[in-house]
Protein backbone atom coordinates (compact mmCIF):
# COMPACT_ATOMS: atom_id res chain seq x y z
CA MET A 1 0.00 0.00 0.00
CA ALA A 2 2.96 2.34 0.62
CA ALA A 3 3.94 2.04 -3.05
CA ILE A 4 0.40 2.95 -4.09
CA ALA A 5 0.47 5.93 -1.72
CA ALA A 6 3.78 7.08 -3.18
CA ASP A 7 2.44 6.76 -6.73
CA SER A 8 -0.75 8.64 -5.84
CA GLY A 9 1.00 11.73 -4.54
CA LEU A 10 -0.93 11.50 -1.26
CA PRO A 11 0.79 11.58 2.13
CA ALA A 12 1.58 7.96 3.06
CA ASP A 13 0.51 8.46 6.67
CA ASN A 14 -3.02 9.39 5.59
CA TYR A 15 -3.41 7.15 2.54
CA ALA A 16 -5.71 4.74 4.42
CA GLY A 17 -7.99 7.66 5.32
CA TYR A 18 -8.16 8.82 1.71
CA ALA A 19 -8.86 5.27 0.54
CA THR A 20 -11.64 4.77 3.10
CA SER A 21 -13.31 8.07 2.22
CA LEU A 22 -13.02 7.42 -1.47
CA SER A 23 -14.57 3.98 -0.98
CA LEU A 24 -17.52 5.54 0.87
CA VAL A 25 -17.98 8.13 -1.87
CA LEU A 26 -17.69 5.64 -4.74
CA ALA A 27 -20.17 3.28 -3.07
CA GLN A 28 -22.83 5.99 -3.35
CA LEU A 29 -22.39 6.56 -7.07
CA SER A 30 -24.64 5.04 -9.68
CA PRO A 31 -22.97 2.79 -12.27
CA ALA A 32 -23.12 5.60 -14.83
CA GLN A 33 -21.53 8.09 -12.42
CA LEU A 34 -18.86 5.57 -11.46
CA SER A 35 -18.06 4.94 -15.11
CA GLU A 36 -17.74 8.69 -15.67
CA VAL A 37 -15.38 9.08 -12.69
CA ILE A 38 -13.23 6.21 -13.94
CA SER A 39 -13.09 7.50 -17.51
CA ASP A 40 -12.35 11.06 -16.32
CA GLY A 41 -9.57 9.71 -14.13
CA ALA A 42 -8.09 7.71 -17.00
CA SER A 43 -8.11 10.69 -19.34
CA SER A 44 -6.63 12.90 -16.59
CA ALA A 45 -3.87 10.37 -16.00
CA ALA A 46 -3.09 10.18 -19.69
CA SER A 47 -2.71 13.96 -19.94
CA ALA A 48 -0.91 14.43 -16.61
CA PRO A 49 2.50 16.07 -16.76
CA GLU A 50 5.50 13.84 -16.11
CA GLU A 51 7.08 16.14 -13.53
CA ALA A 52 5.59 16.66 -10.08
CA GLU A 53 4.19 20.15 -9.74
CA GLU A 54 4.64 22.35 -6.72
CA PRO A 55 1.52 22.23 -4.54
CA GLU A 56 -0.73 25.25 -4.89
CA GLU A 57 -1.52 27.42 -1.90
CA ASN A 58 -4.89 28.43 -0.54
CA ASP A 59 -5.57 32.14 -0.20
CA ASN A 60 -4.51 31.81 3.46
CA GLY A 61 -1.03 30.55 2.50
CA SER A 62 -1.55 26.94 3.58
CA PRO A 63 -0.88 24.15 1.05
CA ALA A 64 -3.95 23.35 -1.01
CA PRO A 65 -5.10 19.72 -1.01
CA PRO A 66 -4.84 17.67 -4.20
CA ASN A 67 -7.44 18.96 -6.66
CA ASP A 68 -9.52 16.24 -8.29
CA PRO A 69 -12.83 17.66 -9.56
CA ALA A 70 -14.46 14.21 -9.72
CA VAL A 71 -13.60 13.44 -6.10
CA ASP A 72 -14.62 16.95 -5.04
CA GLN A 73 -17.99 16.54 -6.75
CA ALA A 74 -18.50 13.12 -5.19
CA LEU A 75 -17.78 14.59 -1.74
CA ILE A 76 -20.15 17.50 -2.37
CA ASP A 77 -22.83 15.04 -3.49
CA MET A 78 -22.24 13.08 -0.30
CA ILE A 79 -22.62 16.27 1.78
CA ASN A 80 -25.97 16.95 0.09
CA SER A 81 -27.16 13.33 0.21
CA GLY A 82 -28.70 13.38 3.68
CA MET A 83 -26.13 10.87 4.95
CA ALA A 84 -26.13 10.34 8.71
CA PRO A 85 -24.15 13.26 10.22
CA GLY A 86 -21.71 11.02 12.11
CA LEU A 87 -20.84 9.04 8.99
CA LEU A 88 -20.49 12.25 7.00
CA LYS A 89 -18.12 13.68 9.61
CA GLU A 90 -15.91 10.59 9.54
CA ALA A 91 -15.83 10.47 5.73
CA LEU A 92 -14.93 14.16 5.46
CA ARG A 93 -12.32 13.96 8.20
CA ASP A 94 -10.79 10.92 6.48
CA ALA A 95 -10.66 12.83 3.18
CA SER A 96 -9.08 15.90 4.79
CA PRO A 97 -7.57 18.21 3.85
CA LEU A 98 -10.65 19.13 1.85
CA SER A 99 -10.53 21.39 -1.19
CA GLU A 100 -11.97 24.87 -1.11
CA ALA A 101 -14.91 23.69 -3.26
CA VAL A 102 -15.77 20.88 -0.83
CA LEU A 103 -15.42 23.17 2.19
CA SER A 104 -17.70 25.73 0.54
CA GLY A 105 -20.29 23.03 -0.13
CA PHE A 106 -19.98 21.82 3.45
CA VAL A 107 -20.50 25.31 4.88
CA ALA A 108 -23.52 25.83 2.61
CA ALA A 109 -25.11 22.66 4.03
CA ALA A 110 -23.92 23.23 7.60
CA SER A 111 -27.16 24.73 8.89
CA ASP A 112 -28.71 21.25 8.68
CA LEU A 113 -25.90 19.55 10.63
CA PRO A 114 -25.16 19.39 14.36
CA ALA A 115 -22.79 22.16 15.47
CA GLY A 116 -20.27 19.73 16.95
CA ILE A 117 -19.88 17.94 13.64
CA VAL A 118 -19.52 21.20 11.72
CA LYS A 119 -16.91 22.42 14.21
CA ASP A 120 -14.91 19.17 14.05
CA VAL A 121 -14.73 19.13 10.23
CA LEU A 122 -13.81 22.82 10.03
CA PHE A 123 -11.12 22.52 12.71
CA GLU A 124 -9.68 19.48 10.91
CA ASN A 125 -9.30 21.65 7.80
CA SER A 126 -8.03 24.85 9.41
CA PRO A 127 -6.70 27.27 8.55
CA LEU A 128 -9.62 27.73 6.19
CA PRO A 129 -9.56 29.54 2.85
CA GLU A 130 -10.61 33.16 3.35
CA ASN A 131 -13.85 32.92 1.36
CA VAL A 132 -14.94 29.83 3.35
CA PHE A 133 -14.26 31.58 6.65
CA ASP A 134 -16.11 34.67 5.42
CA ALA A 135 -19.14 32.48 4.61
CA ILE A 136 -19.05 31.11 8.16
CA LEU A 137 -18.92 34.63 9.60
CA ALA A 138 -21.86 35.63 7.39
CA GLY A 139 -24.01 33.05 9.18
CA GLY A 140 -26.05 30.15 7.97
CA THR A 141 -24.20 27.48 9.95
CA SER A 142 -25.23 25.80 13.18
CA LEU A 143 -22.11 27.15 14.91
CA ASN A 144 -22.63 29.27 17.99
CA SER A 145 -20.55 32.34 18.83
CA GLY A 146 -18.19 30.27 21.04
CA HIS A 147 -17.45 27.87 18.18
CA ILE A 148 -16.82 30.78 15.84
CA GLN A 149 -14.48 32.45 18.34
CA ASP A 150 -12.54 29.17 18.71
CA LEU A 151 -12.37 28.88 14.92
CA LYS A 152 -11.00 32.42 14.63
CA LEU A 153 -8.09 31.42 16.85
CA VAL A 154 -6.89 28.76 14.41
CA GLN A 155 -7.09 30.92 11.30
C-alpha cells in the first residue's frame, strides 16, 4: 500500500484515510456516475505532466489539497445526500484536507448539521480559505458564537 500511496502523490501516513473516504464516496455513485469518474480519471492520468508540480496554496497561505474535480464533486454530493451526520463527519475527516470547493459546499449545508460535527470538520481543515471563513462569519451554519471564536483562533 505504501507504493500505491507514493504513486498517488498522497501523504503515506493518511493514505488509508483517503482510501476509506473514497470507498464511501464511490459506493454511493450510480454505475453511470462511477463509469464517468473512472473515464475522467483515466483521461486525466493520460494527460498528466511527467514532472511533479509544486503544490498550490490556498488564499490563506496553507498548502492546497490535491485537486480532483471528480472526487470533489462526489464529496459535495455526499454532503448533500442526507447521509447520517456522524458518517459524513468521519468520511470528510478521512478525506481531509478538503478542497476549497468541498469546504464551501460543506459550509452551505452546515445549517442542517449538528454544530459539533460542523466544528470538528472545520477545525480538521483549518486554517480555512478566506472565502470559506467569510461564509461562516456571514451566518447560515449551526455554529454558535463560542465555536466561531474558537475557529478564529486557528485561522
